[in-house]
Amino acid sequence: MSKATRATKMLEQAKIAFTVHSYDYDPDADRIGIQAAEALGETPERVLKTLMALVDGKAVCVIVPSDHEVSMKKLAAAFGGKSAQMMKPADAERMSGYKVGGISPFGQMKKVPAAMEEQAVHHDAVFINGGQRGLQVRLNPREAASLLNAAVVSLVA
């Protein structure tokens, strides 16, 4: 597994401090984020999942703790929209340039607006997908949100 991805290159170029952590990715896991947290020996609220969604038909990137579900109402409101829905996996892969299970908010093929769950910034460090299945980067969540120009708002149900 390569530890150099578009995501890690973006973080390096931005001079964001991070460490790379790999784990055995289980494609059959019911909840990939929870499986990543368990494999890394971390609490699920510190391992964030990256989701691609649509708000009023426009693509957005959503970063939330792996043990929470996104509230579609809060997601739509975060982007000033009326409705939100999760993006189909094939569309998420095409938009981000990453495979489902390896989608990172960093280094996506097409830059889209991003939002991060506000609970995440209360941690000193969190894990976010590093752009490959089984690869996570550990970094400061406030620096991650700043790099992504992400809205830091309540997104979970």
C-alpha atoms as a PDB file:
ATOM      1  CA  MET A   1       0.000   0.000   0.000  1.00  0.00           C
ATOM      2  CA  SER A   2       1.357   3.394  -0.979  1.00  0.00           C
ATOM      3  CA  LYS A   3       1.383   6.012   1.745  1.00  0.00           C
ATOM      4  CA  ALA A   4       1.663   8.823  -0.817  1.00  0.00           C
ATOM      5  CA  THR A   5      -1.773   9.753  -2.118  1.00  0.00           C
ATOM      6  CA  ARG A   6      -3.325  12.947  -3.467  1.00  0.00           C
ATOM      7  CA  ALA A   7      -4.614  13.487   0.088  1.00  0.00           C
ATOM      8  CA  THR A   8      -1.214  13.192   1.782  1.00  0.00           C
ATOM      9  CA  LYS A   9       0.397  15.333  -0.921  1.00  0.00           C
ATOM     10  CA  MET A  10      -2.202  18.067  -0.329  1.00  0.00           C
ATOM     11  CA  LEU A  11      -1.504  17.987   3.415  1.00  0.00           C
ATOM     12  CA  GLU A  12       2.263  18.134   2.825  1.00  0.00           C
ATOM     13  CA  GLN A  13       1.937  21.064   0.413  1.00  0.00           C
ATOM     14  CA  ALA A  14      -0.194  22.923   2.972  1.00  0.00           C
ATOM     15  CA  LYS A  15       2.434  22.178   5.660  1.00  0.00           C
ATOM     16  CA  ILE A  16      -0.170  20.503   7.883  1.00  0.00           C
ATOM     17  CA  ALA A  17       1.343  18.174  10.493  1.00  0.00           C
ATOM     18  CA  PHE A  18      -0.028  14.640  10.168  1.00  0.00           C
ATOM     19  CA  THR A  19       0.917  11.025  10.661  1.00  0.00           C
ATOM     20  CA  VAL A  20      -0.099   8.117   8.437  1.00  0.00           C
ATOM     21  CA  HIS A  21      -1.724   4.999   9.906  1.00  0.00           C
ATOM     22  CA  SER A  22      -2.602   1.884   7.955  1.00  0.00           C
ATOM     23  CA  TYR A  23      -4.918  -0.932   8.990  1.00  0.00           C
ATOM     24  CA  ASP A  24      -6.510  -4.030   7.499  1.00  0.00           C
ATOM     25  CA  TYR A  25      -9.510  -2.723   5.571  1.00  0.00           C
ATOM     26  CA  ASP A  26     -12.535  -5.028   5.659  1.00  0.00           C
ATOM     27  CA  PRO A  27     -14.736  -4.443   2.586  1.00  0.00           C
ATOM     28  CA  ASP A  28     -17.482  -6.572   4.176  1.00  0.00           C
ATOM     29  CA  ALA A  29     -17.742  -4.508   7.372  1.00  0.00           C
ATOM     30  CA  ASP A  30     -21.247  -3.252   8.129  1.00  0.00           C
ATOM     31  CA  ARG A  31     -19.868   0.168   9.064  1.00  0.00           C
ATOM     32  CA  ILE A  32     -16.491   0.927   7.527  1.00  0.00           C
ATOM     33  CA  GLY A  33     -15.730   3.854   9.871  1.00  0.00           C
ATOM     34  CA  ILE A  34     -16.408   1.761  12.970  1.00  0.00           C
ATOM     35  CA  GLN A  35     -14.240  -1.043  11.562  1.00  0.00           C
ATOM     36  CA  ALA A  36     -11.414   1.484  10.982  1.00  0.00           C
ATOM     37  CA  ALA A  37     -11.722   2.772  14.560  1.00  0.00           C
ATOM     38  CA  GLU A  38     -11.566  -0.759  15.965  1.00  0.00           C
ATOM     39  CA  ALA A  39      -8.587  -1.674  13.752  1.00  0.00           C
ATOM     40  CA  LEU A  40      -6.731   1.465  14.862  1.00  0.00           C
ATOM     41  CA  GLY A  41      -7.625   0.987  18.540  1.00  0.00           C
ATOM     42  CA  GLU A  42      -9.316   4.403  18.596  1.00  0.00           C
ATOM     43  CA  THR A  43     -12.676   5.603  19.834  1.00  0.00           C
ATOM     44  CA  PRO A  44     -15.190   5.996  16.971  1.00  0.00           C
ATOM     45  CA  GLU A  45     -15.793   9.690  17.697  1.00  0.00           C
ATOM     46  CA  ARG A  46     -12.112  10.387  16.861  1.00  0.00           C
ATOM     47  CA  VAL A  47     -12.199   8.453  13.570  1.00  0.00           C
ATOM     48  CA  LEU A  48     -14.101  10.589  11.099  1.00  0.00           C
ATOM     49  CA  LYS A  49     -15.833   9.314   7.993  1.00  0.00           C
ATOM     50  CA  THR A  50     -15.899  11.254   4.744  1.00  0.00           C
ATOM     51  CA  LEU A  51     -19.201  11.173   2.896  1.00  0.00           C
ATOM     52  CA  MET A  52     -20.248  12.663  -0.402  1.00  0.00           C
ATOM     53  CA  ALA A  53     -23.749  14.085  -0.558  1.00  0.00           C
ATOM     54  CA  LEU A  54     -26.000  16.306  -2.626  1.00  0.00           C
ATOM     55  CA  VAL A  55     -27.634  19.461  -1.324  1.00  0.00           C
ATOM     56  CA  ASP A  56     -30.266  20.747  -3.737  1.00  0.00           C
ATOM     57  CA  GLY A  57     -28.534  18.634  -6.388  1.00  0.00           C
ATOM     58  CA  LYS A  58     -25.052  20.098  -5.792  1.00  0.00           C
ATOM     59  CA  ALA A  59     -22.143  17.963  -4.541  1.00  0.00           C
ATOM     60  CA  VAL A  60     -20.786  18.496  -1.019  1.00  0.00           C
ATOM     61  CA  CYS A  61     -18.282  16.707   1.204  1.00  0.00           C
ATOM     62  CA  VAL A  62     -19.305  15.859   4.779  1.00  0.00           C
ATOM     63  CA  ILE A  63     -16.953  14.824   7.601  1.00  0.00           C
ATOM     64  CA  VAL A  64     -18.534  13.320  10.718  1.00  0.00           C
ATOM     65  CA  PRO A  65     -17.568  10.920  13.531  1.00  0.00           C
ATOM     66  CA  SER A  66     -17.795   7.318  12.363  1.00  0.00           C
ATOM     67  CA  ASP A  67     -20.297   6.406  15.080  1.00  0.00           C
ATOM     68  CA  HIS A  68     -22.880   9.021  14.015  1.00  0.00           C
ATOM     69  CA  GLU A  69     -25.414   9.375  11.228  1.00  0.00           C
ATOM     70  CA  VAL A  70     -25.784  12.598   9.243  1.00  0.00           C
ATOM     71  CA  SER A  71     -29.021  14.518   9.687  1.00  0.00           C
ATOM     72  CA  MET A  72     -30.188  15.371   6.163  1.00  0.00           C
ATOM     73  CA  LYS A  73     -32.094  18.378   7.536  1.00  0.00           C
ATOM     74  CA  LYS A  74     -28.965  19.753   9.269  1.00  0.00           C
ATOM     75  CA  LEU A  75     -26.848  18.972   6.208  1.00  0.00           C
ATOM     76  CA  ALA A  76     -29.161  20.924   3.898  1.00  0.00           C
ATOM     77  CA  ALA A  77     -29.238  23.836   6.359  1.00  0.00           C
ATOM     78  CA  ALA A  78     -25.418  23.859   6.625  1.00  0.00           C
ATOM     79  CA  PHE A  79     -25.202  24.687   2.926  1.00  0.00           C
ATOM     80  CA  GLY A  80     -28.263  26.931   2.779  1.00  0.00           C
ATOM     81  CA  GLY A  81     -30.272  24.325   0.916  1.00  0.00           C
ATOM     82  CA  LYS A  82     -33.732  22.833   1.157  1.00  0.00           C
ATOM     83  CA  SER A  83     -32.977  19.122   0.756  1.00  0.00           C
ATOM     84  CA  ALA A  84     -30.048  16.739   1.053  1.00  0.00           C
ATOM     85  CA  GLN A  85     -29.355  13.136   0.155  1.00  0.00           C
ATOM     86  CA  MET A  86     -26.360  10.850   0.102  1.00  0.00           C
ATOM     87  CA  MET A  87     -24.584  10.568  -3.240  1.00  0.00           C
ATOM     88  CA  LYS A  88     -24.698   7.206  -5.019  1.00  0.00           C
ATOM     89  CA  PRO A  89     -21.394   5.316  -4.527  1.00  0.00           C
ATOM     90  CA  ALA A  90     -20.448   5.415  -8.232  1.00  0.00           C
ATOM     91  CA  ASP A  91     -21.091   9.171  -8.334  1.00  0.00           C
ATOM     92  CA  ALA A  92     -19.093   9.688  -5.114  1.00  0.00           C
ATOM     93  CA  GLU A  93     -16.145   7.810  -6.640  1.00  0.00           C
ATOM     94  CA  ARG A  94     -16.330   9.787  -9.882  1.00  0.00           C
ATOM     95  CA  MET A  95     -16.616  13.139  -8.084  1.00  0.00           C
ATOM     96  CA  SER A  96     -13.896  12.528  -5.483  1.00  0.00           C
ATOM     97  CA  GLY A  97     -11.519  10.413  -7.550  1.00  0.00           C
ATOM     98  CA  TYR A  98     -11.316   7.916  -4.678  1.00  0.00           C
ATOM     99  CA  LYS A  99     -12.889   4.491  -4.143  1.00  0.00           C
ATOM    100  CA  VAL A 100     -15.698   4.175  -1.576  1.00  0.00           C
ATOM    101  CA  GLY A 101     -14.049   3.176   1.696  1.00  0.00           C
ATOM    102  CA  GLY A 102     -11.045   5.295   0.730  1.00  0.00           C
ATOM    103  CA  ILE A 103     -12.670   8.681   0.104  1.00  0.00           C
ATOM    104  CA  SER A 104     -10.679  11.503   1.620  1.00  0.00           C
ATOM    105  CA  PRO A 105     -11.801  15.132   1.809  1.00  0.00           C
ATOM    106  CA  PHE A 106      -8.242  16.093   0.821  1.00  0.00           C
ATOM    107  CA  GLY A 107      -7.043  16.069  -2.780  1.00  0.00           C
ATOM    108  CA  GLN A 108     -10.389  15.313  -4.382  1.00  0.00           C
ATOM    109  CA  MET A 109     -10.556  15.480  -8.178  1.00  0.00           C
ATOM    110  CA  LYS A 110     -13.153  18.249  -8.048  1.00  0.00           C
ATOM    111  CA  LYS A 111     -13.183  20.717  -5.168  1.00  0.00           C
ATOM    112  CA  VAL A 112     -16.611  20.832  -3.554  1.00  0.00           C
ATOM    113  CA  PRO A 113     -17.883  22.689  -0.484  1.00  0.00           C
ATOM    114  CA  ALA A 114     -17.188  20.836   2.768  1.00  0.00           C
ATOM    115  CA  ALA A 115     -18.672  20.707   6.255  1.00  0.00           C
ATOM    116  CA  MET A 116     -17.282  19.109   9.416  1.00  0.00           C
ATOM    117  CA  GLU A 117     -19.258  18.039  12.476  1.00  0.00           C
ATOM    118  CA  GLU A 118     -18.587  20.587  15.235  1.00  0.00           C
ATOM    119  CA  GLN A 119     -17.984  17.842  17.842  1.00  0.00           C
ATOM    120  CA  ALA A 120     -14.849  16.836  15.922  1.00  0.00           C
ATOM    121  CA  VAL A 121     -12.967  20.073  16.596  1.00  0.00           C
ATOM    122  CA  HIS A 122     -13.079  19.447  20.363  1.00  0.00           C
ATOM    123  CA  HIS A 123     -10.416  16.730  19.953  1.00  0.00           C
ATOM    124  CA  ASP A 124      -6.690  17.491  19.799  1.00  0.00           C
ATOM    125  CA  ALA A 125      -6.332  15.007  16.950  1.00  0.00           C
ATOM    126  CA  VAL A 126      -8.652  12.963  14.749  1.00  0.00           C
ATOM    127  CA  PHE A 127      -8.258  10.354  12.031  1.00  0.00           C
ATOM    128  CA  ILE A 128      -9.521  11.101   8.521  1.00  0.00           C
ATOM    129  CA  ASN A 129      -9.212   8.880   5.463  1.00  0.00           C
ATOM    130  CA  GLY A 130      -5.894   9.367   3.704  1.00  0.00           C
ATOM    131  CA  GLY A 131      -7.164   8.639   0.202  1.00  0.00           C
ATOM    132  CA  GLN A 132      -6.938   4.861   0.160  1.00  0.00           C
ATOM    133  CA  ARG A 133      -8.810   1.969   1.725  1.00  0.00           C
ATOM    134  CA  GLY A 134      -6.998   1.053   4.934  1.00  0.00           C
ATOM    135  CA  LEU A 135      -5.133   4.369   5.199  1.00  0.00           C
ATOM    136  CA  GLN A 136      -5.894   7.092   7.737  1.00  0.00           C
ATOM    137  CA  VAL A 137      -4.144  10.357   8.547  1.00  0.00           C
ATOM    138  CA  ARG A 138      -4.038  11.646  12.124  1.00  0.00           C
ATOM    139  CA  LEU A 139      -4.141  15.425  12.361  1.00  0.00           C
ATOM    140  CA  ASN A 140      -5.562  18.434  14.157  1.00  0.00           C
ATOM    141  CA  PRO A 141      -9.256  18.758  13.180  1.00  0.00           C
ATOM    142  CA  ARG A 142      -9.175  22.568  13.236  1.00  0.00           C
ATOM    143  CA  GLU A 143      -6.285  22.575  10.757  1.00  0.00           C
ATOM    144  CA  ALA A 144      -8.155  20.072   8.571  1.00  0.00           C
ATOM    145  CA  ALA A 145     -11.303  22.229   8.589  1.00  0.00           C
ATOM    146  CA  SER A 146      -9.271  25.331   7.787  1.00  0.00           C
ATOM    147  CA  LEU A 147      -7.469  23.661   4.861  1.00  0.00           C
ATOM    148  CA  LEU A 148     -10.804  22.487   3.437  1.00  0.00           C
ATOM    149  CA  ASN A 149     -12.463  25.832   4.166  1.00  0.00           C
ATOM    150  CA  ALA A 150     -15.117  23.626   5.753  1.00  0.00           C
ATOM    151  CA  ALA A 151     -18.108  24.935   7.653  1.00  0.00           C
ATOM    152  CA  VAL A 152     -17.880  23.617  11.226  1.00  0.00           C
ATOM    153  CA  VAL A 153     -21.492  22.982  12.202  1.00  0.00           C
ATOM    154  CA  SER A 154     -23.820  20.464  13.812  1.00  0.00           C
ATOM    155  CA  LEU A 155     -24.463  17.765  11.200  1.00  0.00           C
ATOM    156  CA  VAL A 156     -25.436  14.662  13.155  1.00  0.00           C
ATOM    157  CA  ALA A 157     -28.855  13.436  14.149  1.00  0.00           C
END
